[in-house]
Amino acid sequence: MTRTFIALEMSEDMQRRLAGEVRRVAQALPGVRCVDPAGIHLTLAFLGELDGEQLVRAMAASEIAARRVTPFSYRLTRLGIFGSPRQPRVIWMGIDEPSGALALLHRTLTYELTRRGFETDQRPFSPHLTLARIKSSLSASEQQNLQALLASDQPGSTPIRESYPARSLDVMKSELSRAGARYTRLRAFPLAEG
């Protein structure tokens, strides 16, 4: 069985940028569990444990989806949270991709996976990059630090001008251990040309 997800991998430039954002979060909230920037992915579908035949079907769906969308670029936007401000579960970096190619890629992949018998997430697609996970309640001072961090990242405060390319759709393997998750690209399907 292979713990599998489908994602866009980050370039080295983006990993460096995200490493700086993770450091900012870690400095403001030393008690939260920040992720390793080298392991950050823009996940489009998490499929869980797959046997060999299911993995072949997931790869076929990914290949078809990749062939239907041309390469595109996207930008980082601002920090946000999942959960309430008093008890957030995740701190994330938002993604902006105005051409609609990212949403099209997600829709196409979801359609192809569903056609092949996979259950897919029915929640609206909210592209983001997870920077930290929070397991316990924040203290009052940590809540203040989090609010200051989020307020400093409102649109227009520090514009992020860099754009990052998406050129392939990657089928990824995730292995969990005490040292953290280790990710391996099983297959990269190039996005359509022209």
N, C-alpha and C. Protein backbone atom coordinates (compact mmCIF):
# COMPACT_ATOMS: atom_id res chain seq x y z
N MET A 1 0.85 -1.18 0.00
CA MET A 1 0.00 0.00 0.00
C MET A 1 0.90 1.25 0.00
N THR A 2 0.46 2.24 -0.75
CA THR A 2 1.22 3.48 -0.88
C THR A 2 0.34 4.65 -0.49
N ARG A 3 0.77 5.42 0.51
CA ARG A 3 0.04 6.63 0.92
C ARG A 3 0.30 7.68 -0.15
N THR A 4 -0.77 8.08 -0.86
CA THR A 4 -0.61 8.83 -2.11
C THR A 4 -1.39 10.14 -2.10
N PHE A 5 -0.77 11.16 -2.71
CA PHE A 5 -1.48 12.40 -2.98
C PHE A 5 -0.97 12.96 -4.30
N ILE A 6 -1.75 13.89 -4.85
CA ILE A 6 -1.41 14.50 -6.14
C ILE A 6 -1.24 15.99 -5.91
N ALA A 7 -0.14 16.54 -6.39
CA ALA A 7 0.20 17.91 -6.00
C ALA A 7 1.05 18.60 -7.05
N LEU A 8 1.25 19.89 -6.82
CA LEU A 8 2.26 20.67 -7.53
C LEU A 8 3.44 20.80 -6.57
N GLU A 9 4.61 20.40 -7.00
CA GLU A 9 5.78 20.55 -6.15
C GLU A 9 6.30 21.98 -6.25
N MET A 10 6.96 22.42 -5.19
CA MET A 10 7.47 23.78 -5.13
C MET A 10 8.87 23.85 -5.75
N SER A 11 9.14 24.95 -6.43
CA SER A 11 10.49 25.19 -6.95
C SER A 11 11.41 25.56 -5.78
N GLU A 12 12.73 25.54 -6.03
CA GLU A 12 13.67 25.93 -4.99
C GLU A 12 13.46 27.38 -4.57
N ASP A 13 13.13 28.26 -5.52
CA ASP A 13 12.86 29.67 -5.19
C ASP A 13 11.69 29.78 -4.23
N MET A 14 10.62 29.04 -4.51
CA MET A 14 9.47 29.11 -3.64
C MET A 14 9.78 28.50 -2.28
N GLN A 15 10.54 27.42 -2.24
CA GLN A 15 10.89 26.82 -0.95
C GLN A 15 11.68 27.81 -0.09
N ARG A 16 12.58 28.58 -0.72
CA ARG A 16 13.33 29.60 0.03
C ARG A 16 12.38 30.65 0.58
N ARG A 17 11.45 31.12 -0.25
CA ARG A 17 10.49 32.13 0.20
C ARG A 17 9.63 31.58 1.35
N LEU A 18 9.17 30.35 1.20
CA LEU A 18 8.34 29.73 2.24
C LEU A 18 9.13 29.48 3.53
N ALA A 19 10.42 29.18 3.40
CA ALA A 19 11.27 29.00 4.58
C ALA A 19 11.29 30.27 5.41
N GLY A 20 11.34 31.43 4.74
CA GLY A 20 11.28 32.70 5.46
C GLY A 20 9.96 32.90 6.16
N GLU A 21 8.87 32.51 5.51
CA GLU A 21 7.54 32.64 6.13
C GLU A 21 7.40 31.69 7.32
N VAL A 22 7.93 30.47 7.19
CA VAL A 22 7.88 29.51 8.30
C VAL A 22 8.68 30.05 9.48
N ARG A 23 9.85 30.67 9.22
CA ARG A 23 10.65 31.26 10.30
C ARG A 23 9.87 32.37 11.02
N ARG A 24 9.16 33.19 10.23
CA ARG A 24 8.35 34.25 10.85
C ARG A 24 7.29 33.67 11.79
N VAL A 25 6.62 32.62 11.33
CA VAL A 25 5.60 31.97 12.16
C VAL A 25 6.24 31.38 13.41
N ALA A 26 7.38 30.68 13.24
CA ALA A 26 8.05 30.04 14.37
C ALA A 26 8.51 31.06 15.41
N GLN A 27 8.97 32.23 14.95
CA GLN A 27 9.41 33.26 15.89
C GLN A 27 8.22 33.84 16.66
N ALA A 28 7.11 34.04 15.98
CA ALA A 28 5.93 34.61 16.64
C ALA A 28 5.22 33.60 17.53
N LEU A 29 5.28 32.31 17.14
CA LEU A 29 4.55 31.26 17.86
C LEU A 29 5.47 30.06 18.06
N PRO A 30 6.41 30.16 19.01
CA PRO A 30 7.39 29.07 19.17
C PRO A 30 6.77 27.73 19.58
N GLY A 31 5.54 27.73 20.08
CA GLY A 31 4.92 26.48 20.52
C GLY A 31 4.21 25.70 19.44
N VAL A 32 4.07 26.26 18.23
CA VAL A 32 3.35 25.53 17.18
C VAL A 32 4.32 24.65 16.40
N ARG A 33 3.76 23.66 15.72
CA ARG A 33 4.58 22.72 14.94
C ARG A 33 4.64 23.20 13.50
N CYS A 34 5.75 23.81 13.14
CA CYS A 34 5.93 24.29 11.76
C CYS A 34 6.36 23.14 10.87
N VAL A 35 6.03 23.25 9.60
CA VAL A 35 6.40 22.21 8.64
C VAL A 35 7.79 22.50 8.08
N ASP A 36 8.40 21.48 7.52
CA ASP A 36 9.68 21.62 6.84
C ASP A 36 9.39 22.22 5.47
N PRO A 37 9.95 23.39 5.15
CA PRO A 37 9.66 24.02 3.86
C PRO A 37 9.97 23.12 2.66
N ALA A 38 10.93 22.22 2.79
CA ALA A 38 11.28 21.33 1.69
C ALA A 38 10.15 20.34 1.39
N GLY A 39 9.23 20.15 2.33
CA GLY A 39 8.15 19.21 2.13
C GLY A 39 6.81 19.85 1.80
N ILE A 40 6.79 21.16 1.57
CA ILE A 40 5.53 21.84 1.28
C ILE A 40 5.12 21.58 -0.17
N HIS A 41 3.87 21.21 -0.35
CA HIS A 41 3.30 20.96 -1.67
C HIS A 41 1.95 21.64 -1.77
N LEU A 42 1.55 21.96 -2.97
CA LEU A 42 0.20 22.45 -3.22
C LEU A 42 -0.63 21.22 -3.59
N THR A 43 -1.29 20.65 -2.59
CA THR A 43 -2.02 19.39 -2.77
C THR A 43 -3.34 19.64 -3.50
N LEU A 44 -3.57 18.85 -4.55
CA LEU A 44 -4.81 18.93 -5.31
C LEU A 44 -5.75 17.78 -4.96
N ALA A 45 -5.20 16.65 -4.52
CA ALA A 45 -6.02 15.51 -4.11
C ALA A 45 -5.21 14.62 -3.19
N PHE A 46 -5.79 14.28 -2.04
CA PHE A 46 -5.18 13.30 -1.14
C PHE A 46 -5.98 12.02 -1.28
N LEU A 47 -5.32 10.93 -1.62
CA LEU A 47 -6.01 9.67 -1.91
C LEU A 47 -5.84 8.62 -0.84
N GLY A 48 -4.92 8.80 0.08
CA GLY A 48 -4.71 7.83 1.15
C GLY A 48 -3.94 6.62 0.66
N GLU A 49 -4.13 5.49 1.35
CA GLU A 49 -3.41 4.25 1.05
C GLU A 49 -3.98 3.59 -0.20
N LEU A 50 -3.13 3.40 -1.21
CA LEU A 50 -3.56 2.79 -2.46
C LEU A 50 -2.79 1.51 -2.72
N ASP A 51 -3.50 0.52 -3.27
CA ASP A 51 -2.81 -0.69 -3.73
C ASP A 51 -2.27 -0.42 -5.14
N GLY A 52 -1.59 -1.39 -5.70
CA GLY A 52 -0.95 -1.21 -7.01
C GLY A 52 -1.91 -0.85 -8.12
N GLU A 53 -3.07 -1.51 -8.16
CA GLU A 53 -4.05 -1.24 -9.22
C GLU A 53 -4.65 0.16 -9.06
N GLN A 54 -4.92 0.56 -7.83
CA GLN A 54 -5.44 1.91 -7.59
C GLN A 54 -4.41 2.97 -7.97
N LEU A 55 -3.16 2.69 -7.68
CA LEU A 55 -2.09 3.63 -8.02
C LEU A 55 -2.00 3.83 -9.54
N VAL A 56 -2.16 2.75 -10.30
CA VAL A 56 -2.17 2.85 -11.76
C VAL A 56 -3.33 3.73 -12.22
N ARG A 57 -4.51 3.57 -11.62
CA ARG A 57 -5.68 4.39 -11.98
C ARG A 57 -5.45 5.86 -11.61
N ALA A 58 -4.83 6.11 -10.45
CA ALA A 58 -4.54 7.49 -10.03
C ALA A 58 -3.56 8.15 -11.00
N MET A 59 -2.59 7.39 -11.45
CA MET A 59 -1.62 7.94 -12.41
C MET A 59 -2.28 8.23 -13.75
N ALA A 60 -3.18 7.37 -14.19
CA ALA A 60 -3.89 7.62 -15.45
C ALA A 60 -4.73 8.89 -15.35
N ALA A 61 -5.42 9.08 -14.23
CA ALA A 61 -6.22 10.29 -14.03
C ALA A 61 -5.33 11.53 -14.04
N SER A 62 -4.18 11.44 -13.40
CA SER A 62 -3.26 12.57 -13.32
C SER A 62 -2.70 12.92 -14.70
N GLU A 63 -2.37 11.90 -15.46
CA GLU A 63 -1.81 12.14 -16.80
C GLU A 63 -2.83 12.84 -17.70
N ILE A 64 -4.07 12.40 -17.67
CA ILE A 64 -5.10 13.02 -18.50
C ILE A 64 -5.34 14.46 -18.05
N ALA A 65 -5.44 14.68 -16.74
CA ALA A 65 -5.66 16.04 -16.23
C ALA A 65 -4.52 16.96 -16.64
N ALA A 66 -3.29 16.49 -16.55
CA ALA A 66 -2.12 17.31 -16.90
C ALA A 66 -2.15 17.68 -18.38
N ARG A 67 -2.59 16.77 -19.22
CA ARG A 67 -2.62 17.04 -20.67
C ARG A 67 -3.68 18.07 -21.05
N ARG A 68 -4.60 18.39 -20.16
CA ARG A 68 -5.69 19.31 -20.50
C ARG A 68 -5.47 20.73 -20.01
N VAL A 69 -4.34 20.98 -19.34
CA VAL A 69 -4.07 22.32 -18.81
C VAL A 69 -2.65 22.72 -19.20
N THR A 70 -2.51 23.95 -19.70
CA THR A 70 -1.18 24.44 -20.08
C THR A 70 -0.45 24.96 -18.84
N PRO A 71 0.89 25.02 -18.89
CA PRO A 71 1.65 25.55 -17.75
C PRO A 71 1.17 26.95 -17.38
N PHE A 72 1.26 27.27 -16.11
CA PHE A 72 0.80 28.56 -15.60
C PHE A 72 1.70 28.99 -14.46
N SER A 73 1.51 30.20 -13.99
CA SER A 73 2.26 30.72 -12.85
C SER A 73 1.28 31.18 -11.79
N TYR A 74 1.74 31.19 -10.55
CA TYR A 74 0.90 31.66 -9.44
C TYR A 74 1.77 32.42 -8.45
N ARG A 75 1.10 33.14 -7.57
CA ARG A 75 1.79 33.96 -6.56
C ARG A 75 1.30 33.58 -5.17
N LEU A 76 2.16 33.83 -4.20
CA LEU A 76 1.77 33.72 -2.80
C LEU A 76 1.01 34.99 -2.44
N THR A 77 0.01 34.87 -1.56
CA THR A 77 -0.76 36.06 -1.20
C THR A 77 -0.51 36.49 0.23
N ARG A 78 -1.11 35.83 1.19
CA ARG A 78 -1.00 36.25 2.59
C ARG A 78 -1.23 35.05 3.49
N LEU A 79 -0.89 35.24 4.76
CA LEU A 79 -1.13 34.19 5.75
C LEU A 79 -2.61 34.14 6.11
N GLY A 80 -3.07 32.96 6.46
CA GLY A 80 -4.43 32.76 6.93
C GLY A 80 -4.47 31.58 7.87
N ILE A 81 -5.65 31.31 8.42
CA ILE A 81 -5.80 30.18 9.34
C ILE A 81 -7.04 29.37 8.99
N PHE A 82 -7.01 28.10 9.34
CA PHE A 82 -8.21 27.27 9.38
C PHE A 82 -8.54 27.08 10.85
N GLY A 83 -9.80 27.21 11.19
CA GLY A 83 -10.22 27.15 12.58
C GLY A 83 -10.53 28.55 13.08
N SER A 84 -10.92 28.64 14.31
CA SER A 84 -11.26 29.95 14.88
C SER A 84 -9.99 30.69 15.28
N PRO A 85 -10.06 32.02 15.38
CA PRO A 85 -8.87 32.78 15.82
C PRO A 85 -8.39 32.35 17.21
N ARG A 86 -9.32 31.88 18.04
CA ARG A 86 -8.94 31.45 19.39
C ARG A 86 -8.31 30.06 19.38
N GLN A 87 -8.75 29.22 18.45
CA GLN A 87 -8.23 27.86 18.38
C GLN A 87 -7.98 27.45 16.93
N PRO A 88 -7.02 28.09 16.28
CA PRO A 88 -6.73 27.71 14.89
C PRO A 88 -6.11 26.32 14.84
N ARG A 89 -6.35 25.63 13.74
CA ARG A 89 -5.76 24.29 13.54
C ARG A 89 -4.56 24.33 12.60
N VAL A 90 -4.61 25.27 11.64
CA VAL A 90 -3.57 25.34 10.61
C VAL A 90 -3.29 26.81 10.29
N ILE A 91 -2.03 27.12 10.08
CA ILE A 91 -1.62 28.42 9.54
C ILE A 91 -1.14 28.14 8.11
N TRP A 92 -1.66 28.90 7.16
CA TRP A 92 -1.36 28.64 5.76
C TRP A 92 -1.00 29.92 5.02
N MET A 93 -0.39 29.70 3.85
CA MET A 93 -0.09 30.79 2.91
C MET A 93 -1.04 30.62 1.73
N GLY A 94 -1.71 31.70 1.37
CA GLY A 94 -2.66 31.65 0.26
C GLY A 94 -1.97 31.69 -1.09
N ILE A 95 -2.73 31.31 -2.10
CA ILE A 95 -2.25 31.24 -3.49
C ILE A 95 -3.17 32.08 -4.36
N ASP A 96 -2.59 32.82 -5.29
CA ASP A 96 -3.36 33.58 -6.27
C ASP A 96 -2.94 33.13 -7.66
N GLU A 97 -3.92 32.71 -8.45
CA GLU A 97 -3.66 32.29 -9.82
C GLU A 97 -4.82 32.80 -10.65
N PRO A 98 -4.73 34.04 -11.16
CA PRO A 98 -5.89 34.69 -11.77
C PRO A 98 -6.36 34.13 -13.10
N SER A 99 -5.53 33.36 -13.81
CA SER A 99 -5.95 32.87 -15.12
C SER A 99 -7.03 31.78 -15.03
N GLY A 100 -7.15 31.15 -13.88
CA GLY A 100 -8.11 30.07 -13.73
C GLY A 100 -7.56 28.70 -14.06
N ALA A 101 -6.27 28.61 -14.46
CA ALA A 101 -5.68 27.33 -14.83
C ALA A 101 -5.58 26.38 -13.65
N LEU A 102 -5.26 26.91 -12.47
CA LEU A 102 -5.15 26.06 -11.29
C LEU A 102 -6.52 25.45 -10.94
N ALA A 103 -7.56 26.26 -10.97
CA ALA A 103 -8.92 25.75 -10.69
C ALA A 103 -9.33 24.73 -11.74
N LEU A 104 -8.99 24.99 -13.00
CA LEU A 104 -9.30 24.04 -14.07
C LEU A 104 -8.57 22.72 -13.85
N LEU A 105 -7.30 22.80 -13.48
CA LEU A 105 -6.52 21.59 -13.22
C LEU A 105 -7.16 20.79 -12.08
N HIS A 106 -7.55 21.47 -11.02
CA HIS A 106 -8.19 20.79 -9.89
C HIS A 106 -9.51 20.13 -10.32
N ARG A 107 -10.35 20.87 -11.03
CA ARG A 107 -11.64 20.31 -11.49
C ARG A 107 -11.44 19.10 -12.40
N THR A 108 -10.51 19.22 -13.33
CA THR A 108 -10.25 18.14 -14.27
C THR A 108 -9.72 16.90 -13.54
N LEU A 109 -8.79 17.11 -12.63
CA LEU A 109 -8.24 15.99 -11.86
C LEU A 109 -9.34 15.33 -11.03
N THR A 110 -10.17 16.13 -10.37
CA THR A 110 -11.26 15.59 -9.56
C THR A 110 -12.21 14.76 -10.41
N TYR A 111 -12.54 15.27 -11.59
CA TYR A 111 -13.43 14.54 -12.50
C TYR A 111 -12.81 13.21 -12.92
N GLU A 112 -11.53 13.23 -13.30
CA GLU A 112 -10.86 12.01 -13.76
C GLU A 112 -10.71 10.99 -12.63
N LEU A 113 -10.44 11.46 -11.42
CA LEU A 113 -10.35 10.54 -10.28
C LEU A 113 -11.71 9.92 -9.96
N THR A 114 -12.76 10.75 -9.97
CA THR A 114 -14.11 10.26 -9.68
C THR A 114 -14.53 9.21 -10.72
N ARG A 115 -14.21 9.47 -11.98
CA ARG A 115 -14.52 8.50 -13.04
C ARG A 115 -13.87 7.15 -12.80
N ARG A 116 -12.74 7.15 -12.09
CA ARG A 116 -12.00 5.92 -11.84
C ARG A 116 -12.29 5.34 -10.45
N GLY A 117 -13.36 5.82 -9.82
CA GLY A 117 -13.81 5.21 -8.58
C GLY A 117 -13.23 5.77 -7.30
N PHE A 118 -12.49 6.88 -7.36
CA PHE A 118 -11.93 7.47 -6.16
C PHE A 118 -12.92 8.42 -5.50
N GLU A 119 -12.93 8.44 -4.19
CA GLU A 119 -13.70 9.45 -3.47
C GLU A 119 -12.83 10.70 -3.40
N THR A 120 -13.44 11.84 -3.70
CA THR A 120 -12.69 13.09 -3.68
C THR A 120 -13.32 14.05 -2.69
N ASP A 121 -12.54 15.00 -2.26
CA ASP A 121 -13.01 16.01 -1.30
C ASP A 121 -14.09 16.86 -1.96
N GLN A 122 -15.24 16.97 -1.31
CA GLN A 122 -16.36 17.72 -1.87
C GLN A 122 -16.38 19.19 -1.45
N ARG A 123 -15.47 19.57 -0.54
CA ARG A 123 -15.42 20.97 -0.12
C ARG A 123 -14.91 21.84 -1.27
N PRO A 124 -15.29 23.10 -1.28
CA PRO A 124 -14.77 24.00 -2.32
C PRO A 124 -13.25 24.04 -2.28
N PHE A 125 -12.64 24.12 -3.45
CA PHE A 125 -11.18 24.14 -3.56
C PHE A 125 -10.65 25.45 -3.01
N SER A 126 -9.74 25.36 -2.06
CA SER A 126 -9.14 26.53 -1.44
C SER A 126 -7.62 26.36 -1.48
N PRO A 127 -6.98 26.77 -2.59
CA PRO A 127 -5.55 26.52 -2.72
C PRO A 127 -4.74 27.24 -1.64
N HIS A 128 -3.90 26.47 -0.97
CA HIS A 128 -3.09 27.03 0.12
C HIS A 128 -1.89 26.12 0.35
N LEU A 129 -0.93 26.64 1.07
CA LEU A 129 0.27 25.90 1.47
C LEU A 129 0.32 25.90 2.99
N THR A 130 0.28 24.73 3.60
CA THR A 130 0.31 24.64 5.06
C THR A 130 1.70 24.96 5.58
N LEU A 131 1.77 25.92 6.52
CA LEU A 131 3.05 26.31 7.12
C LEU A 131 3.21 25.76 8.54
N ALA A 132 2.09 25.60 9.25
CA ALA A 132 2.16 25.12 10.64
C ALA A 132 0.84 24.47 11.02
N ARG A 133 0.94 23.50 11.93
CA ARG A 133 -0.24 22.84 12.50
C ARG A 133 -0.25 23.11 13.99
N ILE A 134 -1.43 23.34 14.52
CA ILE A 134 -1.56 23.69 15.93
C ILE A 134 -2.40 22.63 16.61
N LYS A 135 -1.80 21.93 17.57
CA LYS A 135 -2.48 20.80 18.23
C LYS A 135 -3.23 21.21 19.50
N SER A 136 -2.77 22.25 20.18
CA SER A 136 -3.42 22.64 21.44
C SER A 136 -3.81 24.11 21.39
N SER A 137 -4.62 24.51 22.33
CA SER A 137 -5.09 25.89 22.37
C SER A 137 -3.93 26.86 22.56
N LEU A 138 -4.05 28.03 21.96
CA LEU A 138 -3.04 29.07 22.10
C LEU A 138 -3.30 29.86 23.38
N SER A 139 -2.22 30.27 24.03
CA SER A 139 -2.35 31.16 25.19
C SER A 139 -2.81 32.53 24.71
N ALA A 140 -3.19 33.39 25.64
CA ALA A 140 -3.63 34.74 25.28
C ALA A 140 -2.53 35.49 24.54
N SER A 141 -1.28 35.37 24.99
CA SER A 141 -0.18 36.08 24.32
C SER A 141 0.08 35.48 22.93
N GLU A 142 -0.06 34.15 22.79
CA GLU A 142 0.11 33.54 21.48
C GLU A 142 -1.00 33.98 20.53
N GLN A 143 -2.22 34.11 21.04
CA GLN A 143 -3.32 34.60 20.20
C GLN A 143 -3.02 36.01 19.72
N GLN A 144 -2.48 36.85 20.60
CA GLN A 144 -2.12 38.22 20.20
C GLN A 144 -1.02 38.20 19.14
N ASN A 145 -0.01 37.34 19.34
CA ASN A 145 1.07 37.23 18.36
C ASN A 145 0.54 36.76 17.01
N LEU A 146 -0.39 35.81 17.03
CA LEU A 146 -0.97 35.32 15.78
C LEU A 146 -1.75 36.43 15.08
N GLN A 147 -2.55 37.17 15.83
CA GLN A 147 -3.32 38.26 15.22
C GLN A 147 -2.40 39.32 14.63
N ALA A 148 -1.30 39.63 15.31
CA ALA A 148 -0.33 40.60 14.78
C ALA A 148 0.31 40.07 13.50
N LEU A 149 0.62 38.78 13.48
CA LEU A 149 1.20 38.15 12.29
C LEU A 149 0.23 38.22 11.12
N LEU A 150 -1.03 37.89 11.37
CA LEU A 150 -2.04 37.91 10.31
C LEU A 150 -2.30 39.34 9.83
N ALA A 151 -2.34 40.30 10.76
CA ALA A 151 -2.60 41.70 10.40
C ALA A 151 -1.45 42.27 9.57
N SER A 152 -0.22 41.83 9.85
CA SER A 152 0.93 42.34 9.09
C SER A 152 0.94 41.79 7.68
N ASP A 153 0.11 40.80 7.42
CA ASP A 153 0.10 40.14 6.12
C ASP A 153 -1.15 40.45 5.31
N GLN A 154 -1.86 41.50 5.64
CA GLN A 154 -3.05 41.83 4.87
C GLN A 154 -2.67 42.27 3.47
N PRO A 155 -3.53 42.01 2.50
CA PRO A 155 -3.21 42.39 1.12
C PRO A 155 -2.78 43.85 1.04
N GLY A 156 -1.70 44.09 0.33
CA GLY A 156 -1.21 45.45 0.17
C GLY A 156 -0.15 45.84 1.16
N SER A 157 0.03 45.05 2.26
CA SER A 157 1.02 45.45 3.25
C SER A 157 2.44 45.19 2.75
N THR A 158 2.69 44.02 2.22
CA THR A 158 3.99 43.70 1.64
C THR A 158 3.73 42.88 0.39
N PRO A 159 3.54 43.52 -0.75
CA PRO A 159 3.18 42.76 -1.94
C PRO A 159 4.26 41.75 -2.32
N ILE A 160 3.82 40.57 -2.68
CA ILE A 160 4.72 39.53 -3.15
C ILE A 160 4.66 39.54 -4.66
N ARG A 161 5.73 39.96 -5.27
CA ARG A 161 5.72 40.15 -6.72
C ARG A 161 6.15 38.90 -7.48
N GLU A 162 6.92 38.03 -6.82
CA GLU A 162 7.42 36.86 -7.53
C GLU A 162 6.28 35.95 -7.95
N SER A 163 6.40 35.42 -9.15
CA SER A 163 5.44 34.39 -9.56
C SER A 163 6.22 33.10 -9.74
N TYR A 164 5.54 32.00 -9.52
CA TYR A 164 6.18 30.69 -9.53
C TYR A 164 5.50 29.81 -10.58
N PRO A 165 6.30 29.09 -11.36
CA PRO A 165 5.73 28.30 -12.45
C PRO A 165 5.17 26.95 -11.97
N ALA A 166 4.12 26.51 -12.63
CA ALA A 166 3.60 25.15 -12.48
C ALA A 166 3.74 24.51 -13.84
N ARG A 167 4.55 23.47 -13.91
CA ARG A 167 4.82 22.83 -15.20
C ARG A 167 4.45 21.36 -15.25
N SER A 168 4.19 20.77 -14.06
CA SER A 168 3.83 19.36 -14.05
C SER A 168 2.89 19.07 -12.89
N LEU A 169 2.18 17.97 -13.02
CA LEU A 169 1.30 17.45 -11.99
C LEU A 169 1.99 16.21 -11.44
N ASP A 170 2.22 16.17 -10.14
CA ASP A 170 3.04 15.12 -9.55
C ASP A 170 2.22 14.17 -8.69
N VAL A 171 2.42 12.88 -8.91
CA VAL A 171 1.85 11.86 -8.04
C VAL A 171 2.91 11.58 -6.98
N MET A 172 2.54 11.78 -5.71
CA MET A 172 3.49 11.76 -4.61
C MET A 172 3.20 10.62 -3.63
N LYS A 173 4.27 10.10 -3.05
CA LYS A 173 4.18 9.10 -2.00
C LYS A 173 4.56 9.78 -0.68
N SER A 174 3.81 9.49 0.37
CA SER A 174 4.08 10.06 1.68
C SER A 174 4.37 8.92 2.65
N GLU A 175 5.51 8.99 3.32
CA GLU A 175 5.87 8.00 4.33
C GLU A 175 5.99 8.71 5.67
N LEU A 176 5.21 8.26 6.64
CA LEU A 176 5.20 8.87 7.96
C LEU A 176 6.18 8.16 8.88
N SER A 177 6.90 8.96 9.67
CA SER A 177 7.81 8.39 10.67
C SER A 177 7.89 9.35 11.84
N ARG A 178 8.58 8.95 12.88
CA ARG A 178 8.75 9.83 14.05
C ARG A 178 9.49 11.12 13.68
N ALA A 179 10.35 11.03 12.70
CA ALA A 179 11.14 12.20 12.27
C ALA A 179 10.32 13.14 11.38
N GLY A 180 9.10 12.74 11.04
CA GLY A 180 8.25 13.55 10.17
C GLY A 180 7.97 12.83 8.87
N ALA A 181 7.18 13.47 8.04
CA ALA A 181 6.81 12.86 6.76
C ALA A 181 7.95 13.00 5.75
N ARG A 182 8.11 11.97 4.94
CA ARG A 182 9.07 12.02 3.85
C ARG A 182 8.28 11.83 2.56
N TYR A 183 8.55 12.71 1.58
CA TYR A 183 7.80 12.69 0.33
C TYR A 183 8.69 12.28 -0.83
N THR A 184 8.14 11.44 -1.68
CA THR A 184 8.85 10.98 -2.87
C THR A 184 7.94 11.15 -4.07
N ARG A 185 8.47 11.77 -5.11
CA ARG A 185 7.69 11.89 -6.35
C ARG A 185 7.73 10.54 -7.06
N LEU A 186 6.55 9.97 -7.28
CA LEU A 186 6.46 8.70 -8.00
C LEU A 186 6.45 8.93 -9.50
N ARG A 187 5.79 10.01 -9.91
CA ARG A 187 5.68 10.30 -11.34
C ARG A 187 5.32 11.77 -11.53
N ALA A 188 5.92 12.41 -12.49
CA ALA A 188 5.59 13.79 -12.85
C ALA A 188 5.01 13.79 -14.25
N PHE A 189 3.82 14.36 -14.40
CA PHE A 189 3.16 14.45 -15.70
C PHE A 189 3.22 15.90 -16.16
N PRO A 190 3.97 16.18 -17.25
CA PRO A 190 4.07 17.58 -17.72
C PRO A 190 2.71 18.12 -18.13
N LEU A 191 2.49 19.40 -17.83
CA LEU A 191 1.27 20.06 -18.31
C LEU A 191 1.37 20.22 -19.82
N ALA A 192 0.22 20.40 -20.46
CA ALA A 192 0.15 20.46 -21.92
C ALA A 192 0.99 21.62 -22.45
N GLU A 193 1.54 21.47 -23.61
CA GLU A 193 2.28 22.56 -24.25
C GLU A 193 1.39 23.22 -25.30
N GLY A 194 1.32 24.54 -25.25
CA GLY A 194 0.61 25.31 -26.28
C GLY A 194 -0.86 25.19 -26.31
